[in-house]
């Protein structure tokens, strides 16, 4: 082989390797970008779920207060009815 042909082959191999490196790097970057998007979506969903749980707890506390007040009122009527008899 002549030196020119050897350098041509080596240059072509380096060019192909460089192109493959860029393709792999771009694929890797795309993969990590998609992974970051998925993580952000997951975090947003987690925050939405946490907020929903807080709202449900607040609603439950309010419902429990109303039930306790209803029970106290019912006991008051019961006691008043017993005192009249």
Protein backbone atom coordinates (compact mmCIF):
# COMPACT_ATOMS: atom_id res chain seq x y z
CA UNK A 1 0.00 0.00 0.00
CA UNK A 2 1.10 3.47 -0.65
CA UNK A 3 1.28 6.08 2.04
CA UNK A 4 -1.49 8.10 0.39
CA UNK A 5 -3.90 5.16 0.42
CA UNK A 6 -3.05 4.37 4.04
CA UNK A 7 -3.72 7.98 5.08
CA UNK A 8 -6.96 7.96 3.10
CA UNK A 9 -8.12 4.81 4.88
CA UNK A 10 -7.08 6.16 8.29
CA UNK A 11 -8.74 9.50 7.56
CA UNK A 12 -11.96 7.79 6.48
CA UNK A 13 -11.95 5.62 9.60
CA UNK A 14 -11.41 8.68 11.81
CA UNK A 15 -14.23 10.49 10.02
CA UNK A 16 -16.61 7.56 10.48
CA UNK A 17 -15.64 7.20 14.14
CA UNK A 18 -16.16 10.94 14.63
CA UNK A 19 -19.60 10.77 13.01
CA UNK A 20 -20.57 7.78 15.16
CA UNK A 21 -19.37 9.61 18.26
CA UNK A 22 -21.56 12.62 17.39
CA UNK A 23 -24.57 10.40 16.68
CA UNK A 24 -24.14 8.57 19.99
CA UNK A 25 -23.62 11.84 21.87
CA UNK A 26 -26.77 13.33 20.32
CA UNK A 27 -28.79 10.21 21.14
CA UNK A 28 -27.48 10.29 24.70
CA UNK A 29 -28.39 13.98 25.08
CA UNK A 30 -31.87 13.33 23.66
CA UNK A 31 -32.31 10.41 26.05
CA UNK A 32 -31.34 12.49 29.08
CA UNK A 33 -33.55 15.38 27.94
CA UNK A 34 -36.52 13.02 27.68
CA UNK A 35 -35.62 11.53 31.06
CA UNK A 36 -35.59 15.03 32.60
CA UNK A 37 -39.00 15.76 31.04
CA UNK A 38 -40.40 12.52 32.47
CA UNK A 39 -38.97 13.33 35.90
CA UNK A 40 -40.52 16.81 35.82
CA UNK A 41 -43.89 15.35 34.83
CA UNK A 42 -43.58 12.82 37.64
CA UNK A 43 -42.70 15.56 40.14
CA UNK A 44 -45.66 17.64 38.93
CA UNK A 45 -47.97 14.64 39.38
CA UNK A 46 -46.55 14.00 42.84
CA UNK A 47 -47.15 17.63 43.78
CA UNK A 48 -50.70 17.44 42.41
CA UNK A 49 -51.34 14.29 44.45
CA UNK A 50 -49.91 15.90 47.60
CA UNK A 51 -52.11 18.96 47.08
CA UNK A 52 -55.16 16.75 46.54
CA UNK A 53 -54.40 14.84 49.76
CA UNK A 54 -54.11 18.14 51.68
CA UNK A 55 -57.48 19.26 50.31
CA UNK A 56 -59.07 15.92 51.20
CA UNK A 57 -57.68 16.11 54.75
CA UNK A 58 -59.06 19.62 55.18
CA UNK A 59 -62.46 18.49 53.87
CA UNK A 60 -62.41 15.48 56.18
CA UNK A 61 -61.60 17.67 59.20
CA UNK A 62 -64.50 19.97 58.33
CA UNK A 63 -66.83 16.99 57.90
CA UNK A 64 -65.72 15.58 61.26
CA UNK A 65 -66.44 18.95 62.94
CA UNK A 66 -69.92 18.98 61.43
CA UNK A 67 -70.57 15.39 62.55
CA UNK A 68 -69.41 16.18 66.10
CA UNK A 69 -71.66 19.25 66.20
CA UNK A 70 -74.59 17.17 64.91
CA UNK A 71 -73.95 14.55 67.61
CA UNK A 72 -73.79 17.23 70.33
CA UNK A 73 -77.05 18.76 69.09
CA UNK A 74 -78.70 15.34 68.99
CA UNK A 75 -77.49 14.59 72.52
CA UNK A 76 -78.82 17.99 73.62
CA UNK A 77 -82.27 17.17 72.20
CA UNK A 78 -82.17 13.74 73.81
CA UNK A 79 -81.26 15.20 77.21
CA UNK A 80 -83.91 17.92 76.89
CA UNK A 81 -86.52 15.30 76.01
CA UNK A 82 -85.61 13.18 79.02
CA UNK A 83 -85.83 16.16 81.36
CA UNK A 84 -89.35 16.97 80.16
CA UNK A 85 -90.64 13.46 80.85
